[in-house]
Amino acid sequence: MMRLIVPTDFEILQILSNGRRNNAINIATHLDKNRSYINTRLPVLTDYGLLNRVGPAGNSGLYEITEKGRIAARHRAEYEDDDVDFEALIEEGLAEIEVSSGQ
């Protein structure tokens, strides 16, 4: 089950939604949050499939948002609604993208 921290995780997704890769120090500075805290959240978001860790080196610390992460960011309000199955909402969004792209 996906457990996101509101608002921090959604703020991280929003920062990366612009399409640029970024690292923990830049994200922490932008959000005025502790770097070590952001460093704990980035791997969690990666495990959920919302971010990818990208190179050139495997330990470079650069992250980019995935399509799943973009969908999650767009549905922040629904995450806090107890009547909505947030993960199902994301899967529906991914399925729509696959259908529209012909995959």
N, C-alpha and C. Protein backbone atom coordinates (compact mmCIF):
# COMPACT_ATOMS: atom_id res chain seq x y z
N MET A 1 0.84 -1.19 0.00
CA MET A 1 0.00 0.00 0.00
C MET A 1 0.88 1.25 0.00
N MET A 2 0.52 2.18 -0.83
CA MET A 2 1.27 3.42 -0.97
C MET A 2 0.92 4.36 0.18
N ARG A 3 1.93 4.73 0.96
CA ARG A 3 1.74 5.69 2.05
C ARG A 3 2.60 6.91 1.77
N LEU A 4 1.93 7.97 1.37
CA LEU A 4 2.64 9.20 1.04
C LEU A 4 2.54 10.19 2.19
N ILE A 5 3.56 11.02 2.32
CA ILE A 5 3.59 12.05 3.34
C ILE A 5 3.07 13.34 2.71
N VAL A 6 2.01 13.87 3.30
CA VAL A 6 1.41 15.12 2.82
C VAL A 6 1.90 16.24 3.72
N PRO A 7 2.42 17.33 3.19
CA PRO A 7 2.51 17.66 1.77
C PRO A 7 3.84 17.30 1.10
N THR A 8 4.83 16.87 1.86
CA THR A 8 6.20 16.74 1.35
C THR A 8 6.30 15.90 0.08
N ASP A 9 5.75 14.70 0.08
CA ASP A 9 5.90 13.83 -1.09
C ASP A 9 5.28 14.46 -2.33
N PHE A 10 4.13 15.10 -2.15
CA PHE A 10 3.49 15.74 -3.30
C PHE A 10 4.29 16.97 -3.76
N GLU A 11 4.93 17.65 -2.84
CA GLU A 11 5.79 18.78 -3.21
C GLU A 11 6.99 18.30 -4.01
N ILE A 12 7.56 17.16 -3.61
CA ILE A 12 8.67 16.57 -4.36
C ILE A 12 8.21 16.23 -5.78
N LEU A 13 7.06 15.58 -5.89
CA LEU A 13 6.53 15.22 -7.21
C LEU A 13 6.29 16.47 -8.05
N GLN A 14 5.77 17.51 -7.42
CA GLN A 14 5.49 18.75 -8.15
C GLN A 14 6.78 19.37 -8.69
N ILE A 15 7.82 19.40 -7.88
CA ILE A 15 9.10 19.97 -8.32
C ILE A 15 9.63 19.20 -9.53
N LEU A 16 9.52 17.88 -9.49
CA LEU A 16 10.06 17.07 -10.58
C LEU A 16 9.12 17.00 -11.79
N SER A 17 7.91 17.50 -11.64
CA SER A 17 6.93 17.47 -12.74
C SER A 17 7.32 18.36 -13.92
N ASN A 18 8.25 19.26 -13.69
CA ASN A 18 8.66 20.15 -14.78
C ASN A 18 9.54 19.44 -15.81
N GLY A 19 9.84 18.16 -15.54
CA GLY A 19 10.61 17.38 -16.51
C GLY A 19 12.10 17.37 -16.28
N ARG A 20 12.57 18.20 -15.36
CA ARG A 20 14.01 18.24 -15.08
C ARG A 20 14.37 17.22 -14.03
N ARG A 21 15.52 16.61 -14.19
CA ARG A 21 16.07 15.73 -13.16
C ARG A 21 16.62 16.60 -12.04
N ASN A 22 16.57 16.07 -10.83
CA ASN A 22 17.07 16.86 -9.71
C ASN A 22 17.59 15.94 -8.62
N ASN A 23 18.32 16.53 -7.67
CA ASN A 23 18.88 15.74 -6.58
C ASN A 23 18.32 16.22 -5.24
N ALA A 24 18.63 15.48 -4.19
CA ALA A 24 18.05 15.75 -2.87
C ALA A 24 18.40 17.15 -2.36
N ILE A 25 19.63 17.59 -2.55
CA ILE A 25 20.02 18.90 -2.01
C ILE A 25 19.23 20.02 -2.67
N ASN A 26 19.05 19.96 -3.98
CA ASN A 26 18.28 21.00 -4.67
C ASN A 26 16.81 20.96 -4.27
N ILE A 27 16.26 19.76 -4.17
CA ILE A 27 14.86 19.63 -3.77
C ILE A 27 14.67 20.14 -2.35
N ALA A 28 15.57 19.76 -1.45
CA ALA A 28 15.49 20.20 -0.05
C ALA A 28 15.57 21.72 0.05
N THR A 29 16.47 22.31 -0.71
CA THR A 29 16.62 23.76 -0.70
C THR A 29 15.35 24.42 -1.22
N HIS A 30 14.82 23.91 -2.31
CA HIS A 30 13.60 24.47 -2.90
C HIS A 30 12.42 24.40 -1.92
N LEU A 31 12.33 23.30 -1.18
CA LEU A 31 11.21 23.11 -0.25
C LEU A 31 11.48 23.66 1.15
N ASP A 32 12.71 24.13 1.37
CA ASP A 32 13.14 24.58 2.69
C ASP A 32 12.94 23.47 3.73
N LYS A 33 13.41 22.27 3.35
CA LYS A 33 13.33 21.09 4.22
C LYS A 33 14.74 20.56 4.43
N ASN A 34 14.89 19.71 5.43
CA ASN A 34 16.16 19.09 5.75
C ASN A 34 16.55 18.10 4.65
N ARG A 35 17.80 18.19 4.20
CA ARG A 35 18.27 17.31 3.12
C ARG A 35 18.18 15.84 3.50
N SER A 36 18.53 15.49 4.72
CA SER A 36 18.49 14.08 5.11
C SER A 36 17.06 13.55 5.10
N TYR A 37 16.09 14.40 5.43
CA TYR A 37 14.69 13.99 5.37
C TYR A 37 14.28 13.72 3.93
N ILE A 38 14.65 14.62 3.04
CA ILE A 38 14.34 14.43 1.61
C ILE A 38 15.03 13.16 1.11
N ASN A 39 16.25 12.92 1.57
CA ASN A 39 16.97 11.70 1.19
C ASN A 39 16.25 10.43 1.64
N THR A 40 15.44 10.51 2.69
CA THR A 40 14.68 9.33 3.11
C THR A 40 13.42 9.16 2.27
N ARG A 41 12.89 10.23 1.73
CA ARG A 41 11.64 10.15 0.96
C ARG A 41 11.87 9.74 -0.49
N LEU A 42 12.97 10.16 -1.09
CA LEU A 42 13.21 9.86 -2.51
C LEU A 42 13.24 8.35 -2.80
N PRO A 43 13.93 7.54 -2.01
CA PRO A 43 13.90 6.09 -2.27
C PRO A 43 12.51 5.48 -2.09
N VAL A 44 11.74 6.01 -1.15
CA VAL A 44 10.37 5.51 -0.95
C VAL A 44 9.53 5.79 -2.18
N LEU A 45 9.62 7.01 -2.69
CA LEU A 45 8.86 7.38 -3.89
C LEU A 45 9.32 6.55 -5.09
N THR A 46 10.59 6.21 -5.12
CA THR A 46 11.13 5.35 -6.18
C THR A 46 10.56 3.94 -6.04
N ASP A 47 10.52 3.43 -4.83
CA ASP A 47 9.95 2.09 -4.59
C ASP A 47 8.49 2.01 -5.02
N TYR A 48 7.76 3.11 -4.87
CA TYR A 48 6.36 3.15 -5.28
C TYR A 48 6.20 3.31 -6.80
N GLY A 49 7.32 3.53 -7.49
CA GLY A 49 7.26 3.71 -8.94
C GLY A 49 6.91 5.12 -9.37
N LEU A 50 6.98 6.07 -8.43
CA LEU A 50 6.65 7.46 -8.74
C LEU A 50 7.85 8.24 -9.26
N LEU A 51 9.04 7.77 -8.92
CA LEU A 51 10.29 8.38 -9.37
C LEU A 51 11.21 7.29 -9.91
N ASN A 52 12.16 7.70 -10.73
CA ASN A 52 13.26 6.84 -11.16
C ASN A 52 14.54 7.50 -10.74
N ARG A 53 15.47 6.69 -10.27
CA ARG A 53 16.83 7.18 -10.00
C ARG A 53 17.59 7.01 -11.31
N VAL A 54 18.22 8.08 -11.76
CA VAL A 54 18.87 8.06 -13.07
C VAL A 54 20.35 8.39 -12.94
N GLY A 55 21.11 8.02 -13.95
CA GLY A 55 22.56 8.16 -13.95
C GLY A 55 23.03 9.53 -14.36
N PRO A 56 24.26 9.59 -14.79
CA PRO A 56 25.02 8.54 -15.45
C PRO A 56 25.48 7.42 -14.53
N ALA A 57 25.78 7.71 -13.28
CA ALA A 57 26.19 6.65 -12.35
C ALA A 57 24.97 6.21 -11.55
N GLY A 58 24.92 4.94 -11.20
CA GLY A 58 23.78 4.42 -10.46
C GLY A 58 23.56 5.06 -9.11
N ASN A 59 24.60 5.63 -8.56
CA ASN A 59 24.48 6.29 -7.25
C ASN A 59 24.60 7.80 -7.36
N SER A 60 24.24 8.34 -8.51
CA SER A 60 24.42 9.77 -8.75
C SER A 60 23.48 10.63 -7.93
N GLY A 61 22.37 10.06 -7.47
CA GLY A 61 21.44 10.85 -6.67
C GLY A 61 20.51 11.72 -7.48
N LEU A 62 20.48 11.52 -8.79
CA LEU A 62 19.54 12.26 -9.63
C LEU A 62 18.25 11.47 -9.76
N TYR A 63 17.14 12.19 -9.65
CA TYR A 63 15.82 11.57 -9.74
C TYR A 63 15.00 12.28 -10.81
N GLU A 64 14.10 11.50 -11.43
CA GLU A 64 13.14 12.07 -12.36
C GLU A 64 11.78 11.44 -12.07
N ILE A 65 10.75 12.15 -12.40
CA ILE A 65 9.40 11.67 -12.15
C ILE A 65 8.99 10.69 -13.25
N THR A 66 8.19 9.70 -12.88
CA THR A 66 7.65 8.75 -13.85
C THR A 66 6.24 9.20 -14.24
N GLU A 67 5.67 8.53 -15.23
CA GLU A 67 4.29 8.84 -15.61
C GLU A 67 3.35 8.57 -14.43
N LYS A 68 3.62 7.51 -13.70
CA LYS A 68 2.82 7.19 -12.51
C LYS A 68 2.92 8.33 -11.49
N GLY A 69 4.11 8.89 -11.35
CA GLY A 69 4.32 10.02 -10.44
C GLY A 69 3.56 11.26 -10.89
N ARG A 70 3.53 11.49 -12.20
CA ARG A 70 2.78 12.64 -12.73
C ARG A 70 1.29 12.50 -12.42
N ILE A 71 0.78 11.29 -12.60
CA ILE A 71 -0.63 11.05 -12.32
C ILE A 71 -0.90 11.27 -10.83
N ALA A 72 -0.04 10.74 -9.98
CA ALA A 72 -0.21 10.91 -8.54
C ALA A 72 -0.20 12.40 -8.17
N ALA A 73 0.71 13.16 -8.75
CA ALA A 73 0.80 14.59 -8.46
C ALA A 73 -0.48 15.32 -8.84
N ARG A 74 -1.06 14.93 -9.97
CA ARG A 74 -2.30 15.57 -10.44
C ARG A 74 -3.49 15.25 -9.55
N HIS A 75 -3.41 14.16 -8.79
CA HIS A 75 -4.55 13.73 -7.98
C HIS A 75 -4.29 13.88 -6.48
N ARG A 76 -3.52 14.87 -6.12
CA ARG A 76 -3.19 15.09 -4.71
C ARG A 76 -4.44 15.23 -3.85
N ALA A 77 -5.42 15.97 -4.30
CA ALA A 77 -6.64 16.19 -3.51
C ALA A 77 -7.35 14.87 -3.22
N GLU A 78 -7.35 13.98 -4.19
CA GLU A 78 -8.02 12.69 -4.01
C GLU A 78 -7.29 11.80 -3.00
N TYR A 79 -5.98 11.98 -2.86
CA TYR A 79 -5.22 11.18 -1.91
C TYR A 79 -5.75 11.38 -0.49
N GLU A 80 -6.14 12.58 -0.18
CA GLU A 80 -6.61 12.89 1.16
C GLU A 80 -8.10 12.60 1.36
N ASP A 81 -8.77 12.12 0.32
CA ASP A 81 -10.18 11.76 0.39
C ASP A 81 -10.30 10.27 0.73
N ASP A 82 -10.81 9.98 1.90
CA ASP A 82 -10.90 8.60 2.37
C ASP A 82 -11.82 7.73 1.51
N ASP A 83 -12.68 8.35 0.73
CA ASP A 83 -13.62 7.60 -0.11
C ASP A 83 -13.03 7.21 -1.46
N VAL A 84 -11.80 7.61 -1.73
CA VAL A 84 -11.17 7.35 -3.03
C VAL A 84 -10.06 6.32 -2.85
N ASP A 85 -10.04 5.32 -3.74
CA ASP A 85 -8.94 4.35 -3.79
C ASP A 85 -7.85 4.97 -4.66
N PHE A 86 -6.90 5.61 -4.00
CA PHE A 86 -5.88 6.39 -4.70
C PHE A 86 -5.05 5.54 -5.66
N GLU A 87 -4.65 4.36 -5.22
CA GLU A 87 -3.83 3.51 -6.08
C GLU A 87 -4.61 3.05 -7.30
N ALA A 88 -5.89 2.75 -7.14
CA ALA A 88 -6.73 2.37 -8.28
C ALA A 88 -6.87 3.55 -9.24
N LEU A 89 -6.98 4.75 -8.70
CA LEU A 89 -7.08 5.95 -9.52
C LEU A 89 -5.83 6.12 -10.39
N ILE A 90 -4.66 5.88 -9.80
CA ILE A 90 -3.41 5.98 -10.54
C ILE A 90 -3.35 4.90 -11.63
N GLU A 91 -3.73 3.68 -11.28
CA GLU A 91 -3.71 2.59 -12.27
C GLU A 91 -4.65 2.87 -13.43
N GLU A 92 -5.81 3.46 -13.14
CA GLU A 92 -6.74 3.84 -14.21
C GLU A 92 -6.10 4.87 -15.13
N GLY A 93 -5.41 5.83 -14.54
CA GLY A 93 -4.73 6.86 -15.34
C GLY A 93 -3.65 6.26 -16.22
N LEU A 94 -2.91 5.31 -15.68
CA LEU A 94 -1.87 4.63 -16.47
C LEU A 94 -2.50 3.82 -17.61
N ALA A 95 -3.62 3.16 -17.33
CA ALA A 95 -4.30 2.37 -18.35
C ALA A 95 -4.81 3.25 -19.48
N GLU A 96 -5.32 4.43 -19.13
CA GLU A 96 -5.79 5.37 -20.16
C GLU A 96 -4.66 5.83 -21.06
N ILE A 97 -3.49 6.05 -20.47
CA ILE A 97 -2.33 6.47 -21.26
C ILE A 97 -1.93 5.36 -22.21
N GLU A 98 -1.91 4.12 -21.72
CA GLU A 98 -1.54 2.99 -22.58
C GLU A 98 -2.51 2.84 -23.74
N VAL A 99 -3.82 3.01 -23.47
CA VAL A 99 -4.82 2.89 -24.53
C VAL A 99 -4.63 4.01 -25.55
N SER A 100 -4.43 5.23 -25.07
CA SER A 100 -4.30 6.36 -26.00
C SER A 100 -3.01 6.31 -26.80
N SER A 101 -1.98 5.66 -26.26
CA SER A 101 -0.72 5.55 -27.01
C SER A 101 -0.66 4.28 -27.84
N GLY A 102 -1.70 3.45 -27.74
CA GLY A 102 -1.77 2.25 -28.56
C GLY A 102 -0.93 1.10 -28.08
N GLN A 103 -0.60 1.07 -26.81
CA GLN A 103 0.24 -0.01 -26.26
C GLN A 103 -0.59 -1.15 -25.75
